[in-house]
């Protein structure tokens, strides 16, 4: 059972990285160069508040999920790992 979860999380992480690179202004970065635990905002990947809005849209379009509380969003949007776990835990 745990292997299944890890396989699914791995697939979600891969898709997230591809979406981030293709939809945000990350021309110089390849999806595989983004570490799972790399901080997305500020000194990490360097995303900003406009990117956060775009991530909200990506979550809605690609995973059918909404993040209404931006305080909760700060924790969810911390890294690819935290995003993947949120998607995994809340998928329908």
N, C-alpha and C. Protein backbone atom coordinates (compact mmCIF):
# COMPACT_ATOMS: atom_id res chain seq x y z
N UNK A 1 0.83 -1.20 0.00
CA UNK A 1 0.00 0.00 0.00
C UNK A 1 0.87 1.25 0.00
N UNK A 2 1.92 1.26 0.81
CA UNK A 2 2.82 2.43 0.91
C UNK A 2 3.53 2.67 -0.42
N UNK A 3 3.86 1.60 -1.15
CA UNK A 3 4.51 1.73 -2.45
C UNK A 3 3.60 2.45 -3.44
N UNK A 4 2.31 2.10 -3.38
CA UNK A 4 1.32 2.74 -4.24
C UNK A 4 1.29 4.25 -4.01
N UNK A 5 1.26 4.64 -2.74
CA UNK A 5 1.23 6.05 -2.38
C UNK A 5 2.49 6.74 -2.91
N UNK A 6 3.63 6.13 -2.72
CA UNK A 6 4.89 6.74 -3.15
C UNK A 6 4.94 6.86 -4.68
N UNK A 7 4.43 5.84 -5.38
CA UNK A 7 4.39 5.90 -6.84
C UNK A 7 3.50 7.05 -7.31
N UNK A 8 2.34 7.18 -6.65
CA UNK A 8 1.42 8.25 -7.02
C UNK A 8 2.02 9.62 -6.73
N UNK A 9 2.64 9.75 -5.56
CA UNK A 9 3.28 11.02 -5.21
C UNK A 9 4.39 11.37 -6.19
N UNK A 10 5.14 10.37 -6.61
CA UNK A 10 6.22 10.60 -7.58
C UNK A 10 5.65 11.13 -8.89
N UNK A 11 4.56 10.54 -9.33
CA UNK A 11 3.91 10.97 -10.58
C UNK A 11 3.35 12.39 -10.43
N UNK A 12 2.77 12.69 -9.29
CA UNK A 12 2.23 14.04 -9.03
C UNK A 12 3.37 15.06 -9.03
N UNK A 13 4.47 14.74 -8.34
CA UNK A 13 5.63 15.65 -8.30
C UNK A 13 6.15 15.95 -9.71
N UNK A 14 6.26 14.90 -10.52
CA UNK A 14 6.75 15.05 -11.90
C UNK A 14 5.83 15.98 -12.68
N UNK A 15 4.52 15.75 -12.59
CA UNK A 15 3.56 16.58 -13.30
C UNK A 15 3.62 18.03 -12.81
N UNK A 16 3.72 18.21 -11.50
CA UNK A 16 3.80 19.56 -10.93
C UNK A 16 5.01 20.31 -11.48
N UNK A 17 6.15 19.66 -11.49
CA UNK A 17 7.38 20.31 -11.99
C UNK A 17 7.21 20.71 -13.45
N UNK A 18 6.61 19.82 -14.25
CA UNK A 18 6.38 20.13 -15.66
C UNK A 18 5.43 21.32 -15.81
N UNK A 19 4.37 21.34 -14.99
CA UNK A 19 3.41 22.45 -15.05
C UNK A 19 4.06 23.76 -14.61
N UNK A 20 4.85 23.71 -13.56
CA UNK A 20 5.50 24.93 -13.06
C UNK A 20 6.42 25.52 -14.14
N UNK A 21 7.21 24.67 -14.76
CA UNK A 21 8.15 25.15 -15.78
C UNK A 21 7.40 25.67 -17.01
N UNK A 22 6.35 24.98 -17.42
CA UNK A 22 5.65 25.39 -18.64
C UNK A 22 4.72 26.58 -18.45
N UNK A 23 4.20 26.79 -17.24
CA UNK A 23 3.22 27.86 -17.03
C UNK A 23 3.77 29.10 -16.31
N UNK A 24 4.89 28.95 -15.65
CA UNK A 24 5.49 30.10 -14.96
C UNK A 24 6.73 30.52 -15.74
N UNK A 25 7.27 31.64 -15.41
CA UNK A 25 8.43 32.16 -16.16
C UNK A 25 9.73 31.50 -15.71
N UNK A 26 9.85 30.22 -16.00
CA UNK A 26 11.03 29.46 -15.57
C UNK A 26 11.77 28.90 -16.80
N UNK A 27 12.04 29.78 -17.76
CA UNK A 27 12.64 29.32 -19.02
C UNK A 27 13.99 28.63 -18.84
N UNK A 28 14.77 29.06 -17.86
CA UNK A 28 16.13 28.53 -17.70
C UNK A 28 16.20 27.26 -16.87
N UNK A 29 15.04 26.73 -16.47
CA UNK A 29 15.02 25.57 -15.56
C UNK A 29 14.30 24.41 -16.23
N UNK A 30 14.87 23.23 -16.09
CA UNK A 30 14.21 22.01 -16.57
C UNK A 30 13.45 21.41 -15.38
N UNK A 31 12.32 20.75 -15.64
CA UNK A 31 11.54 20.17 -14.54
C UNK A 31 12.38 19.28 -13.61
N UNK A 32 13.28 18.48 -14.20
CA UNK A 32 14.06 17.54 -13.38
C UNK A 32 15.11 18.26 -12.52
N UNK A 33 15.35 19.54 -12.77
CA UNK A 33 16.31 20.30 -11.95
C UNK A 33 15.69 20.83 -10.67
N UNK A 34 14.37 20.82 -10.59
CA UNK A 34 13.69 21.29 -9.38
C UNK A 34 13.69 20.16 -8.36
N UNK A 35 14.24 20.44 -7.18
CA UNK A 35 14.26 19.43 -6.12
C UNK A 35 12.87 19.36 -5.48
N UNK A 36 12.52 18.17 -5.00
CA UNK A 36 11.21 17.97 -4.38
C UNK A 36 11.01 18.88 -3.17
N UNK A 37 12.08 19.12 -2.41
CA UNK A 37 11.95 19.91 -1.18
C UNK A 37 12.45 21.35 -1.33
N UNK A 38 12.73 21.76 -2.58
CA UNK A 38 13.21 23.12 -2.81
C UNK A 38 12.10 24.13 -2.50
N UNK A 39 12.44 25.17 -1.78
CA UNK A 39 11.47 26.22 -1.45
C UNK A 39 11.08 26.91 -2.75
N UNK A 40 9.79 27.08 -2.98
CA UNK A 40 9.32 27.64 -4.25
C UNK A 40 9.43 29.16 -4.32
N UNK A 41 9.20 29.82 -3.19
CA UNK A 41 9.16 31.29 -3.20
C UNK A 41 10.40 31.89 -2.57
N UNK A 42 10.63 33.17 -2.85
CA UNK A 42 11.76 33.86 -2.25
C UNK A 42 13.08 33.33 -2.76
N UNK A 43 13.97 33.02 -1.84
CA UNK A 43 15.33 32.62 -2.20
C UNK A 43 15.42 31.23 -2.82
N UNK A 44 14.36 30.47 -2.72
CA UNK A 44 14.36 29.14 -3.34
C UNK A 44 14.30 29.25 -4.85
N UNK A 45 13.17 28.88 -5.41
CA UNK A 45 12.98 28.93 -6.86
C UNK A 45 12.73 30.36 -7.34
N UNK A 46 12.39 31.25 -6.41
CA UNK A 46 12.23 32.66 -6.75
C UNK A 46 10.85 33.04 -7.25
N UNK A 47 9.84 32.23 -6.95
CA UNK A 47 8.48 32.58 -7.37
C UNK A 47 7.96 33.75 -6.54
N UNK A 48 6.94 34.44 -7.09
CA UNK A 48 6.36 35.58 -6.37
C UNK A 48 4.84 35.42 -6.26
N UNK A 49 4.16 36.47 -5.78
CA UNK A 49 2.72 36.37 -5.53
C UNK A 49 1.91 36.13 -6.81
N UNK A 50 2.36 36.66 -7.93
CA UNK A 50 1.66 36.38 -9.19
C UNK A 50 1.77 34.90 -9.55
N UNK A 51 2.93 34.33 -9.26
CA UNK A 51 3.11 32.89 -9.50
C UNK A 51 2.18 32.07 -8.60
N UNK A 52 1.97 32.56 -7.37
CA UNK A 52 1.07 31.86 -6.44
C UNK A 52 -0.34 31.79 -7.02
N UNK A 53 -0.79 32.89 -7.61
CA UNK A 53 -2.11 32.92 -8.24
C UNK A 53 -2.15 31.90 -9.38
N UNK A 54 -1.10 31.86 -10.16
CA UNK A 54 -1.03 30.91 -11.28
C UNK A 54 -1.05 29.46 -10.77
N UNK A 55 -0.39 29.20 -9.64
CA UNK A 55 -0.41 27.85 -9.07
C UNK A 55 -1.82 27.48 -8.63
N UNK A 56 -2.56 28.43 -8.06
CA UNK A 56 -3.95 28.19 -7.68
C UNK A 56 -4.75 27.75 -8.91
N UNK A 57 -4.55 28.46 -10.02
CA UNK A 57 -5.25 28.13 -11.27
C UNK A 57 -4.82 26.74 -11.77
N UNK A 58 -3.52 26.45 -11.71
CA UNK A 58 -3.03 25.14 -12.14
C UNK A 58 -3.65 24.01 -11.31
N UNK A 59 -3.78 24.23 -10.00
CA UNK A 59 -4.39 23.22 -9.13
C UNK A 59 -5.85 22.99 -9.51
N UNK A 60 -6.55 24.08 -9.82
CA UNK A 60 -7.96 23.94 -10.21
C UNK A 60 -8.09 23.21 -11.54
N UNK A 61 -7.33 23.64 -12.53
CA UNK A 61 -7.45 23.07 -13.88
C UNK A 61 -6.97 21.63 -13.98
N UNK A 62 -5.87 21.33 -13.32
CA UNK A 62 -5.24 20.02 -13.51
C UNK A 62 -5.62 18.98 -12.46
N UNK A 63 -6.04 19.45 -11.28
CA UNK A 63 -6.32 18.49 -10.20
C UNK A 63 -7.70 18.68 -9.58
N UNK A 64 -8.44 19.70 -10.03
CA UNK A 64 -9.78 19.95 -9.49
C UNK A 64 -9.78 20.38 -8.04
N UNK A 65 -8.70 21.02 -7.59
CA UNK A 65 -8.58 21.42 -6.19
C UNK A 65 -8.56 22.94 -6.06
N UNK A 66 -9.14 23.43 -4.97
CA UNK A 66 -9.11 24.85 -4.69
C UNK A 66 -8.41 25.10 -3.36
N UNK A 67 -7.69 26.21 -3.31
CA UNK A 67 -7.08 26.65 -2.06
C UNK A 67 -7.71 28.00 -1.76
N UNK A 68 -8.64 28.00 -0.80
CA UNK A 68 -9.36 29.24 -0.49
C UNK A 68 -8.64 30.06 0.58
N UNK A 69 -8.02 29.39 1.52
CA UNK A 69 -7.35 30.06 2.63
C UNK A 69 -5.87 30.23 2.30
N UNK A 70 -5.44 31.47 2.06
CA UNK A 70 -4.04 31.67 1.67
C UNK A 70 -3.06 31.43 2.81
N UNK A 71 -3.53 31.46 4.07
CA UNK A 71 -2.64 31.07 5.17
C UNK A 71 -2.32 29.59 5.04
N UNK A 72 -3.33 28.81 4.71
CA UNK A 72 -3.12 27.38 4.45
C UNK A 72 -2.27 27.24 3.18
N UNK A 73 -2.51 28.12 2.21
CA UNK A 73 -1.78 28.10 0.96
C UNK A 73 -0.28 28.25 1.15
N UNK A 74 0.12 29.06 2.11
CA UNK A 74 1.56 29.26 2.38
C UNK A 74 2.24 27.93 2.72
N UNK A 75 1.56 27.10 3.50
CA UNK A 75 2.12 25.79 3.86
C UNK A 75 2.09 24.85 2.66
N UNK A 76 0.98 24.88 1.92
CA UNK A 76 0.83 24.00 0.77
C UNK A 76 1.83 24.34 -0.33
N UNK A 77 2.06 25.63 -0.57
CA UNK A 77 2.91 26.10 -1.66
C UNK A 77 4.38 26.17 -1.28
N UNK A 78 4.77 25.60 -0.17
CA UNK A 78 6.15 25.69 0.31
C UNK A 78 7.14 25.04 -0.67
N UNK A 79 6.79 23.85 -1.15
CA UNK A 79 7.68 23.11 -2.05
C UNK A 79 6.85 22.19 -2.95
N UNK A 80 7.49 21.58 -3.91
CA UNK A 80 6.81 20.60 -4.77
C UNK A 80 6.29 19.46 -3.90
N UNK A 81 7.06 19.07 -2.91
CA UNK A 81 6.67 17.99 -2.00
C UNK A 81 5.38 18.32 -1.25
N UNK A 82 5.29 19.53 -0.69
CA UNK A 82 4.09 19.90 0.07
C UNK A 82 2.88 20.02 -0.87
N UNK A 83 3.10 20.51 -2.08
CA UNK A 83 2.02 20.57 -3.07
C UNK A 83 1.55 19.17 -3.44
N UNK A 84 2.49 18.28 -3.70
CA UNK A 84 2.15 16.91 -4.08
C UNK A 84 1.36 16.21 -2.97
N UNK A 85 1.79 16.40 -1.73
CA UNK A 85 1.07 15.79 -0.61
C UNK A 85 -0.34 16.33 -0.48
N UNK A 86 -0.50 17.64 -0.68
CA UNK A 86 -1.83 18.26 -0.63
C UNK A 86 -2.72 17.66 -1.72
N UNK A 87 -2.20 17.54 -2.92
CA UNK A 87 -2.97 16.98 -4.03
C UNK A 87 -3.34 15.53 -3.73
N UNK A 88 -2.37 14.76 -3.24
CA UNK A 88 -2.62 13.35 -2.93
C UNK A 88 -3.70 13.21 -1.86
N UNK A 89 -3.61 14.00 -0.80
CA UNK A 89 -4.55 13.90 0.33
C UNK A 89 -5.96 14.39 -0.04
N UNK A 90 -6.06 15.26 -1.04
CA UNK A 90 -7.35 15.89 -1.34
C UNK A 90 -7.95 15.48 -2.68
N UNK A 91 -7.30 14.55 -3.35
CA UNK A 91 -7.83 14.15 -4.66
C UNK A 91 -9.18 13.46 -4.49
N UNK A 92 -9.93 13.54 -5.55
CA UNK A 92 -11.30 12.99 -5.48
C UNK A 92 -11.33 11.57 -5.98
